[in-house]
Amino acid sequence: MQDREFMILLDTFRKLIRRKAKPNITRILNKTHSADLAEIFRSFTPDEQLFIFKMITSLEYKSNLLTELEETYVVELLEVTSPEHIVEILGEMAPDDQADIVANLDEELELKVLALMKDKESKKLEELMMYPPESAGGIMVPLPFKMNETDTVKDAINSVHNQEDMEMIFYIYVIDEFDKLTGIVSLRELLTAKPTVILKDIMSTKILSVTPETDQEEVAHITSRYDLLALPVIDKDSKLLGIVTVDDIIDVIRQEATEDFLQMAGVGKDREILLKTPWEATKIRLPWLFATFLGGVLASKIVMNFDFLVKEFALLAAFMPIVAGMGGNVGTQSSTIIVRGISTGRIDFNHLSKVFFRQLLIGSILGIVYGLLLSIFTYIFFKSNANMMLISLSIGISLTFSMLIAASTGTITPILLDKFGIDPAVATGPIVTTVVDVIGILVYFLTATMFLSSI
């Protein structure tokens, strides 16, 4: 949806809500996709959200809307909804989406909802809720479409025709007499094979699978790396428990990318931080800034130790922000590239030397270019000052070394953190910022001292 369309639709909804024009609201709802409504929904006030939610009469539309919304919105809406109606809405959802929503309800409401569901459905839901929400078991669709390896292609096609409620049949999962997963047949292979051929003869035995405990990020890596539409989940005995489908993988990739971005920015990993109160958001961000605070204090101490140099060559103070800022940017760029590489599985500890020297070369080139530019700039604009040649050289060379150190730090820090089992997205930002600031200022003054001490 375009920004202009978004604003028009939001404005129209708000005007109709103020007028309580229910027939008009119903007509617009019928023409608005649930994903578009979810986007607009985030701009509504809580009262407007509740009003619109109650206006939706279609259970399928309500279920689609809830699966598109953040957890906080879902909980707020369902807290004022009767348990009976919640069960009706859940009946339109896939089991994995049901489990996600029920798990976020408060305990009392959760028990009421489970008690109202049919025994078979509630048992299936409780089994899914046993797994961590960010694991393969937590996001899988249970009871996928499966056939016995002795069944024929014709049997499989007839069975597919009868699976009206089955979610996303991309593959036929083939099991043996012990219910163990032994092979996979794609729909393309199924439709192009002769009807009398048995599945065992056309199935692929090269099976990529995960266990219920596998982290959802690893599931996303496997799925994207091998271009799969679904990934089977098996237990320790190779029995098929469920599948993780591509729509859930897309959600996982988006969630993980958001978490990594928030953590690198130093605001925690809560994807719903915008919905927090100012005090809650402050508590999350406060610890992350402490490392930067300490780095600033240490950098100040370094500056004080070289106050004699600043007093004699006051121009040095004017260029400190440039050296610190350029170094910080290079360090952030390098660390972002490496953290992204680690998260996608393209970079690991075994690639350390190759990646390190590549980033070192890039940092060297950038440092030389901008160091030379800064030296020329300072000399041209301040050449009336005495000893400007030496001052401009010291500033340019210190910028070169600062950017070189920043590139090295931004490269090696996330790889080492990952090696020692620390999430690079969490710790890289504060460490790189602090190290680059402190070492950058130190190098700046040491270089200046070396060039200017003889004057």
Protein backbone atom coordinates (compact mmCIF):
# COMPACT_ATOMS: atom_id res chain seq x y z
CA MET A 1 0.00 0.00 0.00
CA GLN A 2 1.35 3.42 -1.02
CA ASP A 3 1.89 6.13 1.63
CA ARG A 4 -0.80 8.30 0.06
CA GLU A 5 -3.32 5.45 0.02
CA PHE A 6 -2.41 4.67 3.63
CA MET A 7 -3.10 8.24 4.80
CA ILE A 8 -6.37 8.46 2.84
CA LEU A 9 -7.62 5.16 4.24
CA LEU A 10 -6.55 6.04 7.80
CA ASP A 11 -8.24 9.44 7.58
CA THR A 12 -11.42 7.87 6.14
CA PHE A 13 -11.59 5.24 8.89
CA ARG A 14 -11.15 7.87 11.61
CA LYS A 15 -13.88 10.11 10.21
CA LEU A 16 -16.31 7.19 9.95
CA ILE A 17 -15.43 5.98 13.47
CA ARG A 18 -16.15 9.46 14.90
CA ARG A 19 -19.53 9.44 13.14
CA LYS A 20 -20.20 5.80 14.12
CA ALA A 21 -21.03 5.18 10.45
CA LYS A 22 -21.08 1.40 10.76
CA PRO A 23 -22.53 0.53 7.30
CA ASN A 24 -19.82 2.59 5.58
CA ILE A 25 -17.10 1.08 7.79
CA THR A 26 -18.35 -2.41 6.91
CA ARG A 27 -18.18 -1.63 3.18
CA ILE A 28 -14.58 -0.38 3.46
CA LEU A 29 -13.57 -3.37 5.59
CA ASN A 30 -14.91 -5.71 2.91
CA LYS A 31 -12.61 -4.03 0.35
CA THR A 32 -9.51 -3.81 2.58
CA HIS A 33 -7.02 -6.66 2.77
CA SER A 34 -6.32 -7.85 6.31
CA ALA A 35 -2.59 -7.08 5.89
CA ASP A 36 -3.41 -3.48 4.88
CA LEU A 37 -5.81 -3.12 7.80
CA ALA A 38 -3.09 -4.39 10.16
CA GLU A 39 -0.76 -1.67 8.90
CA ILE A 40 -3.41 1.01 9.47
CA PHE A 41 -4.41 -0.58 12.78
CA ARG A 42 -1.08 0.41 14.35
CA SER A 43 -1.96 4.09 13.85
CA PHE A 44 -5.35 3.81 15.59
CA THR A 45 -5.91 4.69 19.23
CA PRO A 46 -6.82 1.75 21.53
CA ASP A 47 -10.51 2.78 21.38
CA GLU A 48 -10.44 2.95 17.58
CA GLN A 49 -8.75 -0.45 17.40
CA LEU A 50 -11.39 -2.06 19.58
CA PHE A 51 -14.22 -0.39 17.64
CA ILE A 52 -12.91 -1.66 14.28
CA PHE A 53 -12.18 -5.13 15.67
CA LYS A 54 -15.77 -5.48 16.91
CA MET A 55 -17.07 -4.29 13.54
CA ILE A 56 -15.44 -7.23 11.74
CA THR A 57 -18.02 -9.99 11.36
CA SER A 58 -15.96 -12.51 9.39
CA LEU A 59 -14.10 -14.96 11.64
CA GLU A 60 -11.59 -15.64 8.87
CA TYR A 61 -10.88 -11.92 8.46
CA LYS A 62 -10.43 -11.50 12.22
CA SER A 63 -8.05 -14.44 12.40
CA ASN A 64 -5.99 -13.09 9.48
CA LEU A 65 -5.83 -9.67 11.12
CA LEU A 66 -4.64 -11.09 14.44
CA THR A 67 -1.87 -13.10 12.78
CA GLU A 68 -0.62 -9.89 11.12
CA LEU A 69 -0.56 -7.81 14.33
CA GLU A 70 2.11 -7.57 17.03
CA GLU A 71 1.63 -9.56 20.23
CA THR A 72 0.75 -6.53 22.36
CA TYR A 73 -2.16 -5.52 20.11
CA VAL A 74 -3.45 -9.09 19.96
CA VAL A 75 -3.44 -9.48 23.74
CA GLU A 76 -5.20 -6.13 24.28
CA LEU A 77 -7.96 -7.04 21.82
CA LEU A 78 -8.53 -10.57 23.13
CA GLU A 79 -8.56 -9.49 26.78
CA VAL A 80 -11.91 -7.78 26.12
CA THR A 81 -13.22 -10.63 23.96
CA SER A 82 -15.23 -13.52 25.35
CA PRO A 83 -13.43 -16.90 25.54
CA GLU A 84 -16.15 -18.43 23.37
CA HIS A 85 -15.52 -15.91 20.58
CA ILE A 86 -11.75 -16.37 20.90
CA VAL A 87 -12.21 -20.10 20.30
CA GLU A 88 -14.30 -19.34 17.19
CA ILE A 89 -11.55 -17.06 15.84
CA LEU A 90 -8.82 -19.61 16.63
CA GLY A 91 -10.76 -22.20 14.66
CA GLU A 92 -9.92 -20.28 11.47
CA MET A 93 -6.16 -20.32 12.15
CA ALA A 94 -3.35 -22.76 11.52
CA PRO A 95 -2.28 -24.64 14.67
CA ASP A 96 1.08 -22.84 14.91
CA ASP A 97 -0.65 -19.44 14.84
CA GLN A 98 -3.13 -20.67 17.46
CA ALA A 99 -0.28 -21.70 19.74
CA ASP A 100 1.45 -18.32 19.38
CA ILE A 101 -1.68 -16.40 20.32
CA VAL A 102 -2.86 -18.62 23.19
CA ALA A 103 0.65 -18.66 24.70
CA ASN A 104 0.56 -14.86 25.00
CA LEU A 105 -2.78 -14.72 26.83
CA ASP A 106 -2.82 -14.40 30.60
CA GLU A 107 -3.01 -17.73 32.40
CA GLU A 108 -6.67 -17.48 33.44
CA LEU A 109 -7.90 -16.65 29.93
CA GLU A 110 -5.61 -19.28 28.41
CA LEU A 111 -7.13 -22.01 30.61
CA LYS A 112 -10.67 -20.91 29.74
CA VAL A 113 -9.90 -21.00 26.00
CA LEU A 114 -8.27 -24.44 26.18
CA ALA A 115 -11.20 -25.78 28.22
CA LEU A 116 -13.68 -24.61 25.56
CA MET A 117 -11.78 -26.19 22.67
CA LYS A 118 -12.43 -29.75 21.58
CA ASP A 119 -10.26 -32.29 23.38
CA LYS A 120 -8.35 -33.23 20.23
CA GLU A 121 -7.69 -29.60 19.24
CA SER A 122 -6.68 -28.46 22.74
CA LYS A 123 -4.33 -31.41 23.11
CA LYS A 124 -2.67 -30.58 19.79
CA LEU A 125 -2.37 -26.95 20.87
CA GLU A 126 -0.86 -27.82 24.25
CA GLU A 127 1.71 -30.04 22.53
CA LEU A 128 2.80 -27.15 20.33
CA MET A 129 2.96 -24.80 23.32
CA MET A 130 5.39 -27.17 25.04
CA TYR A 131 8.11 -26.11 22.60
CA PRO A 132 9.92 -22.76 22.92
CA PRO A 133 8.12 -20.15 20.77
CA GLU A 134 11.31 -19.41 18.79
CA SER A 135 12.06 -23.05 17.95
CA ALA A 136 11.09 -25.25 15.01
CA GLY A 137 8.52 -26.98 17.23
CA GLY A 138 7.00 -23.63 18.16
CA ILE A 139 6.43 -22.51 14.56
CA MET A 140 5.72 -25.84 12.84
CA VAL A 141 2.39 -26.97 11.40
CA PRO A 142 1.65 -30.38 12.95
CA LEU A 143 0.38 -33.44 11.09
CA PRO A 144 1.61 -32.62 7.54
CA PHE A 145 0.43 -34.50 4.47
CA LYS A 146 2.18 -37.86 4.34
CA MET A 147 1.86 -41.12 2.41
CA ASN A 148 3.28 -44.61 2.76
CA GLU A 149 6.21 -45.48 0.50
CA THR A 150 4.26 -48.40 -0.94
CA ASP A 151 1.40 -46.14 -2.12
CA THR A 152 1.15 -45.34 -5.82
CA VAL A 153 1.22 -41.94 -7.49
CA LYS A 154 -2.49 -42.30 -8.22
CA ASP A 155 -3.20 -42.94 -4.51
CA ALA A 156 -1.23 -39.83 -3.58
CA ILE A 157 -3.01 -37.59 -6.11
CA ASN A 158 -6.42 -38.81 -4.94
CA SER A 159 -5.41 -38.11 -1.33
CA VAL A 160 -4.26 -34.59 -2.23
CA HIS A 161 -7.71 -33.93 -3.73
CA ASN A 162 -9.30 -34.82 -0.39
CA GLN A 163 -7.07 -32.54 1.71
CA GLU A 164 -9.20 -29.39 1.73
CA ASP A 165 -8.01 -28.14 5.12
CA MET A 166 -4.35 -29.10 4.80
CA GLU A 167 -2.02 -26.07 4.88
CA MET A 168 0.30 -25.59 1.91
CA ILE A 169 0.93 -28.97 0.33
CA PHE A 170 4.28 -28.34 -1.35
CA TYR A 171 5.73 -31.80 -0.85
CA ILE A 172 4.50 -35.32 -0.23
CA TYR A 173 6.27 -36.71 2.83
CA VAL A 174 6.86 -40.44 2.48
CA ILE A 175 6.98 -42.71 5.53
CA ASP A 176 7.74 -46.40 6.04
CA GLU A 177 5.79 -49.02 7.98
CA PHE A 178 7.27 -47.69 11.26
CA ASP A 179 6.04 -44.15 10.54
CA LYS A 180 9.59 -42.92 9.94
CA LEU A 181 10.28 -40.27 7.29
CA THR A 182 12.15 -41.97 4.45
CA GLY A 183 11.70 -39.64 1.48
CA ILE A 184 10.11 -36.59 -0.11
CA VAL A 185 8.25 -36.15 -3.41
CA SER A 186 7.56 -32.69 -4.82
CA LEU A 187 4.19 -31.95 -6.40
CA ARG A 188 5.91 -31.51 -9.77
CA GLU A 189 7.45 -34.98 -9.54
CA LEU A 190 4.11 -36.40 -8.44
CA LEU A 191 2.16 -34.91 -11.34
CA THR A 192 4.69 -35.93 -14.00
CA ALA A 193 5.07 -39.54 -12.85
CA LYS A 194 2.97 -42.43 -14.14
CA PRO A 195 -0.07 -43.26 -11.95
CA THR A 196 1.03 -46.84 -11.28
CA VAL A 197 4.53 -45.97 -10.01
CA ILE A 198 4.99 -46.38 -6.26
CA LEU A 199 6.27 -43.41 -4.27
CA LYS A 200 9.37 -45.25 -3.09
CA ASP A 201 10.63 -45.34 -6.68
CA ILE A 202 10.39 -41.58 -7.29
CA MET A 203 11.03 -40.13 -3.83
CA SER A 204 14.21 -38.29 -2.93
CA THR A 205 16.03 -39.81 0.04
CA LYS A 206 18.24 -36.75 0.54
CA ILE A 207 16.13 -35.25 3.30
CA LEU A 208 16.84 -31.92 4.95
CA SER A 209 15.11 -31.84 8.31
CA VAL A 210 15.28 -30.30 11.78
CA THR A 211 14.26 -31.33 15.29
CA PRO A 212 11.60 -29.50 17.33
CA GLU A 213 14.32 -27.91 19.49
CA THR A 214 16.17 -26.34 16.53
CA ASP A 215 16.26 -22.54 16.80
CA GLN A 216 14.01 -20.78 14.32
CA GLU A 217 16.96 -18.75 12.98
CA GLU A 218 18.74 -21.97 11.98
CA VAL A 219 15.51 -23.18 10.36
CA ALA A 220 15.41 -19.96 8.33
CA HIS A 221 19.07 -20.42 7.30
CA ILE A 222 18.45 -23.95 6.02
CA THR A 223 15.26 -23.01 4.20
CA SER A 224 16.77 -19.98 2.45
CA ARG A 225 20.08 -21.70 1.65
CA TYR A 226 18.42 -24.63 -0.11
CA ASP A 227 15.43 -22.71 -1.54
CA LEU A 228 12.83 -24.87 0.21
CA LEU A 229 9.12 -24.17 0.47
CA ALA A 230 8.77 -26.26 3.62
CA LEU A 231 11.08 -28.05 6.03
CA PRO A 232 10.07 -31.26 7.89
CA VAL A 233 10.41 -31.47 11.67
CA ILE A 234 11.27 -34.94 13.00
CA ASP A 235 11.87 -36.45 16.44
CA LYS A 236 14.89 -38.49 17.55
CA ASP A 237 13.35 -41.61 15.96
CA SER A 238 12.94 -39.85 12.58
CA LYS A 239 9.15 -39.76 12.96
CA LEU A 240 7.50 -36.85 11.20
CA LEU A 241 6.01 -34.32 13.65
CA GLY A 242 5.24 -31.39 11.38
CA ILE A 243 6.58 -28.93 8.83
CA VAL A 244 7.74 -25.33 8.92
CA THR A 245 6.28 -23.52 5.90
CA VAL A 246 7.77 -20.67 3.91
CA ASP A 247 5.28 -18.06 5.20
CA ASP A 248 6.52 -18.68 8.74
CA ILE A 249 10.13 -18.53 7.54
CA ILE A 250 9.52 -15.07 6.08
CA ASP A 251 8.17 -13.93 9.45
CA VAL A 252 11.19 -15.42 11.23
CA ILE A 253 13.66 -13.65 8.92
CA ARG A 254 11.87 -10.35 9.48
CA GLN A 255 11.78 -10.84 13.27
CA GLU A 256 15.43 -11.88 13.53
CA ALA A 257 16.56 -8.99 11.31
CA THR A 258 14.57 -6.55 13.47
CA GLU A 259 16.04 -7.98 16.67
CA ASP A 260 19.60 -7.79 15.30
CA PHE A 261 19.05 -4.21 14.19
CA LEU A 262 17.64 -3.16 17.57
CA GLN A 263 20.43 -4.88 19.48
CA MET A 264 23.15 -3.31 17.34
CA ALA A 265 21.54 0.06 17.95
CA GLY A 266 21.76 -0.64 21.67
CA VAL A 267 18.03 -0.68 22.47
CA GLY A 268 17.61 -4.37 23.37
CA LYS A 269 15.88 -7.06 21.31
CA ASP A 270 12.22 -6.32 22.00
CA ARG A 271 10.54 -5.94 18.61
CA GLU A 272 7.71 -4.03 20.24
CA ILE A 273 9.83 -1.39 21.93
CA LEU A 274 7.78 1.38 20.29
CA LEU A 275 4.78 0.17 22.29
CA LYS A 276 6.60 0.40 25.64
CA THR A 277 6.03 3.17 28.17
CA PRO A 278 8.80 5.82 28.40
CA TRP A 279 10.02 4.30 31.68
CA GLU A 280 10.12 0.75 30.29
CA ALA A 281 11.97 1.93 27.17
CA THR A 282 14.43 3.88 29.35
CA LYS A 283 15.20 0.82 31.48
CA ILE A 284 15.93 -1.23 28.35
CA ARG A 285 18.28 1.35 26.83
CA LEU A 286 20.05 2.46 30.01
CA PRO A 287 22.49 -0.50 30.40
CA TRP A 288 23.47 -0.44 26.73
CA LEU A 289 24.68 3.15 26.97
CA PHE A 290 26.92 2.45 29.96
CA ALA A 291 29.80 1.11 27.81
CA THR A 292 29.65 4.22 25.63
CA PHE A 293 29.60 6.36 28.76
CA LEU A 294 32.74 4.67 30.10
CA GLY A 295 34.42 5.07 26.73
CA GLY A 296 33.63 8.78 26.74
CA VAL A 297 35.07 9.18 30.24
CA LEU A 298 38.25 7.36 29.22
CA ALA A 299 38.56 9.46 26.04
CA SER A 300 38.18 12.62 28.14
CA LYS A 301 40.99 11.41 30.40
CA ILE A 302 43.24 10.93 27.37
CA VAL A 303 42.47 14.45 26.14
CA MET A 304 43.34 15.85 29.59
CA ASN A 305 46.70 14.05 29.50
CA PHE A 306 47.52 15.85 26.26
CA ASP A 307 46.22 19.25 27.32
CA PHE A 308 49.71 20.70 26.91
CA LEU A 309 49.54 19.87 23.21
CA VAL A 310 46.05 21.32 22.77
CA LYS A 311 47.08 24.55 24.52
CA GLU A 312 50.03 24.98 22.17
CA PHE A 313 48.23 23.85 19.01
CA ALA A 314 44.58 24.79 19.57
CA LEU A 315 43.72 23.77 16.00
CA LEU A 316 44.07 20.10 17.01
CA ALA A 317 40.91 20.34 19.12
CA ALA A 318 38.87 21.46 16.10
CA PHE A 319 39.60 18.26 14.18
CA MET A 320 38.99 15.75 17.01
CA PRO A 321 35.28 15.27 16.08
CA ILE A 322 36.24 14.47 12.47
CA VAL A 323 38.74 11.80 13.48
CA ALA A 324 36.36 10.25 16.03
CA GLY A 325 33.33 10.45 13.72
CA MET A 326 35.02 8.99 10.64
CA GLY A 327 36.55 6.17 12.69
CA GLY A 328 33.19 5.43 14.30
CA ASN A 329 31.43 5.26 10.92
CA VAL A 330 34.01 2.88 9.45
CA GLY A 331 33.84 0.67 12.55
CA THR A 332 30.03 0.57 12.41
CA GLN A 333 30.01 -0.22 8.69
CA SER A 334 32.51 -3.07 9.09
CA SER A 335 30.76 -4.56 12.11
CA THR A 336 27.35 -4.37 10.41
CA ILE A 337 28.68 -6.25 7.36
CA ILE A 338 30.28 -8.93 9.56
CA VAL A 339 27.25 -9.37 11.86
CA ARG A 340 25.07 -9.75 8.77
CA GLY A 341 27.50 -12.30 7.35
CA ILE A 342 27.47 -14.29 10.59
CA SER A 343 23.67 -14.23 10.82
CA THR A 344 23.32 -15.54 7.24
CA GLY A 345 25.97 -18.21 7.78
CA ARG A 346 28.39 -16.77 5.19
CA ILE A 347 31.09 -15.88 7.73
CA ASP A 348 32.49 -17.91 10.61
CA PHE A 349 35.71 -18.22 12.64
CA ASN A 350 37.35 -20.28 9.88
CA HIS A 351 37.09 -17.28 7.54
CA LEU A 352 38.70 -14.90 10.04
CA SER A 353 42.00 -14.24 8.25
CA LYS A 354 40.45 -13.80 4.79
CA VAL A 355 37.67 -11.52 6.02
CA PHE A 356 40.01 -9.59 8.33
CA PHE A 357 42.57 -8.76 5.63
CA ARG A 358 39.84 -7.83 3.17
CA GLN A 359 38.32 -5.32 5.60
CA LEU A 360 41.85 -4.16 6.54
CA LEU A 361 42.53 -3.37 2.87
CA ILE A 362 39.23 -1.50 2.57
CA GLY A 363 39.95 0.44 5.76
CA SER A 364 43.45 1.29 4.49
CA ILE A 365 42.15 2.63 1.17
CA LEU A 366 39.43 4.68 2.86
CA GLY A 367 41.89 5.94 5.47
CA ILE A 368 44.48 7.02 2.91
CA VAL A 369 41.89 8.78 0.73
CA TYR A 370 40.24 10.72 3.56
CA GLY A 371 43.53 11.28 5.41
CA LEU A 372 44.96 12.88 2.27
CA LEU A 373 41.82 14.98 1.73
CA LEU A 374 41.86 16.20 5.34
CA SER A 375 45.57 17.07 5.15
CA ILE A 376 45.02 19.09 1.96
CA PHE A 377 41.94 20.79 3.45
CA THR A 378 43.67 21.85 6.66
CA TYR A 379 46.76 23.09 4.84
CA ILE A 380 44.79 25.16 2.29
CA PHE A 381 42.40 26.78 4.76
CA PHE A 382 44.82 27.27 7.66
CA LYS A 383 48.17 27.70 5.89
CA SER A 384 48.58 31.14 7.43
CA ASN A 385 49.27 29.38 10.74
CA ALA A 386 52.86 28.61 11.56
CA ASN A 387 53.98 25.00 11.16
CA MET A 388 50.77 24.20 9.27
CA MET A 389 52.49 21.61 7.09
CA LEU A 390 53.37 19.41 10.09
CA ILE A 391 49.98 19.97 11.73
CA SER A 392 48.05 18.99 8.57
CA LEU A 393 50.24 15.91 8.10
CA SER A 394 49.70 14.76 11.69
CA ILE A 395 45.93 15.23 11.40
CA GLY A 396 45.72 13.36 8.07
CA ILE A 397 47.94 10.47 9.17
CA SER A 398 46.06 10.08 12.46
CA LEU A 399 42.76 9.92 10.54
CA THR A 400 44.24 7.21 8.29
CA PHE A 401 45.34 5.10 11.26
CA SER A 402 42.07 5.75 13.11
CA MET A 403 40.01 4.44 10.19
CA LEU A 404 42.36 1.48 9.78
CA ILE A 405 41.98 0.55 13.47
CA ALA A 406 38.21 1.06 13.27
CA ALA A 407 37.87 -1.30 10.28
CA SER A 408 39.99 -3.92 12.08
CA THR A 409 38.02 -3.62 15.33
CA GLY A 410 34.65 -3.69 13.54
CA THR A 411 35.71 -6.86 11.69
CA ILE A 412 37.36 -8.95 14.37
CA THR A 413 35.04 -8.11 17.31
CA PRO A 414 31.83 -9.80 16.07
CA ILE A 415 33.72 -12.87 14.80
CA LEU A 416 35.49 -13.37 18.15
CA LEU A 417 32.25 -12.80 20.07
CA ASP A 418 30.54 -15.43 17.94
CA LYS A 419 33.44 -17.83 18.52
CA PHE A 420 32.99 -17.53 22.30
CA GLY A 421 29.23 -18.00 22.16
CA ILE A 422 28.26 -14.34 22.66
CA ASP A 423 25.61 -12.92 20.34
CA PRO A 424 27.53 -10.48 18.08
CA ALA A 425 24.42 -8.38 17.51
CA VAL A 426 24.18 -7.69 21.25
CA ALA A 427 27.75 -6.76 22.18
CA THR A 428 29.40 -5.56 18.96
CA GLY A 429 27.94 -2.04 18.92
CA PRO A 430 29.02 -0.92 22.41
CA ILE A 431 32.45 -2.59 22.15
CA VAL A 432 33.30 -1.19 18.71
CA THR A 433 32.07 2.30 19.57
CA THR A 434 34.05 2.42 22.82
CA VAL A 435 37.28 0.94 21.42
CA VAL A 436 37.25 3.10 18.28
CA ASP A 437 36.61 6.31 20.24
CA VAL A 438 39.29 5.65 22.85
CA ILE A 439 41.99 4.30 20.51
CA GLY A 440 41.14 6.88 17.82
CA ILE A 441 41.70 9.80 20.22
CA LEU A 442 44.85 8.18 21.61
CA VAL A 443 46.30 7.63 18.12
CA TYR A 444 45.36 11.21 17.20
CA PHE A 445 47.36 12.73 20.03
CA LEU A 446 50.27 10.30 19.81
CA THR A 447 50.66 11.12 16.11
CA ALA A 448 50.43 14.84 16.82
CA THR A 449 53.00 14.50 19.59
CA MET A 450 55.38 12.65 17.28
CA PHE A 451 55.15 15.31 14.57
CA LEU A 452 54.94 18.44 16.70
CA SER A 453 57.10 17.73 19.76
CA SER A 454 60.22 19.02 17.98
CA ILE A 455 58.65 22.39 17.17
